[in-house]
Every structure is written in C-alpha cells, then in structure tokens.
Amino acid sequence: MQLQSVANILSSSIARQQSEDKMREQASLLDISTDAIVVYSLDQMMPVMDGKVAV
C-alpha cells in the first residue's frame, strides 16, 4: 500500500510539473508575439489584451 501511495504522489508531481512547463511555454509564445491577442473570460467581464487588463 505504501508503494502505491508513493507512486501516486510521484505521478501527481510529474503531471503538475508537465502542466507548469506547458504553461511557461505558452506564456513565452505570448511574450514574443507581435500580433494583438485579446482574451475574454467566460462571463466577458474582464477583457485582457496581451497579458494586461484592458481598461
């Protein structure tokens, strides 16, 4: 049982690290983009342009 718990913890840690790596990669792509990028939340209450909240 302990071995399974350790395996689950390691698996979760690896998955979290991969997710963080993917987010860093995507953020770096946004940083180097020269195009306008506009992102809205699902309720469209907080528009974001190129990583900054649009006013």
N, C-alpha and C. Protein backbone atom coordinates (compact mmCIF):
# COMPACT_ATOMS: atom_id res chain seq x y z
N MET A 1 0.82 -1.19 0.00
CA MET A 1 0.00 0.00 0.00
C MET A 1 0.86 1.26 0.00
N GLN A 2 1.94 1.31 0.75
CA GLN A 2 2.81 2.47 0.80
C GLN A 2 3.45 2.72 -0.56
N LEU A 3 3.83 1.68 -1.25
CA LEU A 3 4.45 1.83 -2.56
C LEU A 3 3.47 2.48 -3.53
N GLN A 4 2.22 2.09 -3.47
CA GLN A 4 1.20 2.70 -4.34
C GLN A 4 1.03 4.17 -4.01
N SER A 5 1.06 4.53 -2.74
CA SER A 5 0.92 5.93 -2.34
C SER A 5 2.09 6.76 -2.86
N VAL A 6 3.28 6.23 -2.77
CA VAL A 6 4.46 6.92 -3.29
C VAL A 6 4.34 7.08 -4.80
N ALA A 7 3.90 6.05 -5.48
CA ALA A 7 3.73 6.12 -6.93
C ALA A 7 2.69 7.17 -7.31
N ASN A 8 1.61 7.26 -6.56
CA ASN A 8 0.58 8.26 -6.83
C ASN A 8 1.11 9.68 -6.62
N ILE A 9 1.87 9.87 -5.55
CA ILE A 9 2.45 11.19 -5.28
C ILE A 9 3.42 11.57 -6.39
N LEU A 10 4.27 10.66 -6.81
CA LEU A 10 5.22 10.94 -7.89
C LEU A 10 4.51 11.24 -9.20
N SER A 11 3.47 10.48 -9.48
CA SER A 11 2.70 10.69 -10.70
C SER A 11 2.04 12.07 -10.70
N SER A 12 1.47 12.45 -9.58
CA SER A 12 0.84 13.77 -9.46
C SER A 12 1.87 14.88 -9.62
N SER A 13 3.03 14.69 -9.02
CA SER A 13 4.10 15.68 -9.09
C SER A 13 4.60 15.84 -10.53
N ILE A 14 4.75 14.74 -11.23
CA ILE A 14 5.20 14.78 -12.63
C ILE A 14 4.15 15.46 -13.50
N ALA A 15 2.89 15.13 -13.30
CA ALA A 15 1.82 15.74 -14.08
C ALA A 15 1.77 17.25 -13.83
N ARG A 16 1.92 17.66 -12.58
CA ARG A 16 1.90 19.09 -12.24
C ARG A 16 3.09 19.80 -12.90
N GLN A 17 4.26 19.19 -12.86
CA GLN A 17 5.45 19.78 -13.47
C GLN A 17 5.27 19.92 -14.98
N GLN A 18 4.69 18.91 -15.62
CA GLN A 18 4.46 18.98 -17.07
C GLN A 18 3.47 20.08 -17.40
N SER A 19 2.44 20.22 -16.57
CA SER A 19 1.45 21.28 -16.78
C SER A 19 2.09 22.66 -16.63
N GLU A 20 2.91 22.82 -15.61
CA GLU A 20 3.61 24.10 -15.40
C GLU A 20 4.56 24.41 -16.56
N ASP A 21 5.25 23.39 -17.05
CA ASP A 21 6.16 23.59 -18.19
C ASP A 21 5.38 24.04 -19.43
N LYS A 22 4.23 23.43 -19.66
CA LYS A 22 3.40 23.78 -20.80
C LYS A 22 2.90 25.23 -20.69
N MET A 23 2.48 25.63 -19.48
CA MET A 23 2.02 27.00 -19.28
C MET A 23 3.15 28.00 -19.50
N ARG A 24 4.36 27.68 -19.04
CA ARG A 24 5.51 28.56 -19.26
C ARG A 24 5.82 28.69 -20.75
N GLU A 25 5.72 27.58 -21.46
CA GLU A 25 5.96 27.60 -22.90
C GLU A 25 4.93 28.48 -23.61
N GLN A 26 3.67 28.33 -23.24
CA GLN A 26 2.62 29.13 -23.87
C GLN A 26 2.76 30.60 -23.51
N ALA A 27 3.16 30.91 -22.29
CA ALA A 27 3.36 32.29 -21.88
C ALA A 27 4.52 32.92 -22.66
N SER A 28 5.56 32.15 -22.90
CA SER A 28 6.69 32.70 -23.66
C SER A 28 6.30 32.97 -25.11
N LEU A 29 5.41 32.16 -25.66
CA LEU A 29 4.92 32.41 -27.01
C LEU A 29 4.11 33.70 -27.06
N LEU A 30 3.32 33.96 -26.02
CA LEU A 30 2.56 35.21 -25.96
C LEU A 30 3.51 36.41 -25.84
N ASP A 31 4.58 36.24 -25.08
CA ASP A 31 5.53 37.33 -24.89
C ASP A 31 6.21 37.74 -26.19
N ILE A 32 6.47 36.79 -27.09
CA ILE A 32 7.19 37.13 -28.32
C ILE A 32 6.26 37.45 -29.48
N SER A 33 4.97 37.31 -29.27
CA SER A 33 4.01 37.58 -30.34
C SER A 33 3.93 39.07 -30.65
N THR A 34 3.87 39.39 -31.93
CA THR A 34 3.71 40.79 -32.34
C THR A 34 2.26 41.08 -32.73
N ASP A 35 1.42 40.07 -32.73
CA ASP A 35 0.00 40.24 -33.05
C ASP A 35 -0.77 40.67 -31.80
N ALA A 36 -1.87 41.35 -32.00
CA ALA A 36 -2.76 41.68 -30.89
C ALA A 36 -3.48 40.41 -30.46
N ILE A 37 -3.48 40.15 -29.18
CA ILE A 37 -4.13 38.97 -28.63
C ILE A 37 -5.13 39.44 -27.58
N VAL A 38 -6.39 39.16 -27.80
CA VAL A 38 -7.44 39.58 -26.88
C VAL A 38 -8.10 38.33 -26.32
N VAL A 39 -8.20 38.28 -24.98
CA VAL A 39 -8.79 37.12 -24.31
C VAL A 39 -9.87 37.62 -23.37
N TYR A 40 -11.05 37.01 -23.44
CA TYR A 40 -12.15 37.35 -22.56
C TYR A 40 -12.44 36.18 -21.64
N SER A 41 -12.87 36.49 -20.42
CA SER A 41 -13.32 35.44 -19.52
C SER A 41 -14.68 34.94 -20.02
N LEU A 42 -15.13 33.83 -19.47
CA LEU A 42 -16.39 33.25 -19.92
C LEU A 42 -17.57 34.20 -19.72
N ASP A 43 -17.51 35.02 -18.67
CA ASP A 43 -18.59 35.98 -18.46
C ASP A 43 -18.32 37.30 -19.17
N GLN A 44 -17.23 37.38 -19.89
CA GLN A 44 -16.81 38.54 -20.68
C GLN A 44 -16.77 39.82 -19.86
N MET A 45 -16.43 39.70 -18.59
CA MET A 45 -16.37 40.86 -17.72
C MET A 45 -14.97 41.44 -17.59
N MET A 46 -13.93 40.68 -17.93
CA MET A 46 -12.57 41.16 -17.74
C MET A 46 -11.75 40.92 -19.01
N PRO A 47 -11.86 41.81 -19.99
CA PRO A 47 -11.06 41.63 -21.19
C PRO A 47 -9.58 41.81 -20.91
N VAL A 48 -8.77 41.02 -21.57
CA VAL A 48 -7.32 41.07 -21.41
C VAL A 48 -6.70 41.20 -22.78
N MET A 49 -5.76 42.11 -22.91
CA MET A 49 -5.05 42.28 -24.18
C MET A 49 -3.57 42.10 -23.91
N ASP A 50 -2.97 41.16 -24.58
CA ASP A 50 -1.54 40.91 -24.46
C ASP A 50 -1.06 40.82 -23.01
N GLY A 51 -1.83 40.16 -22.18
CA GLY A 51 -1.43 39.92 -20.80
C GLY A 51 -1.72 41.07 -19.86
N LYS A 52 -2.29 42.17 -20.35
CA LYS A 52 -2.62 43.30 -19.48
C LYS A 52 -4.13 43.50 -19.49
N VAL A 53 -4.69 43.86 -18.36
CA VAL A 53 -6.14 44.09 -18.30
C VAL A 53 -6.44 45.35 -19.08
N ALA A 54 -7.35 45.23 -20.03
CA ALA A 54 -7.74 46.38 -20.84
C ALA A 54 -8.72 47.24 -20.05
N VAL A 55 -8.56 48.52 -20.15
CA VAL A 55 -9.45 49.45 -19.43
C VAL A 55 -10.35 50.15 -20.42
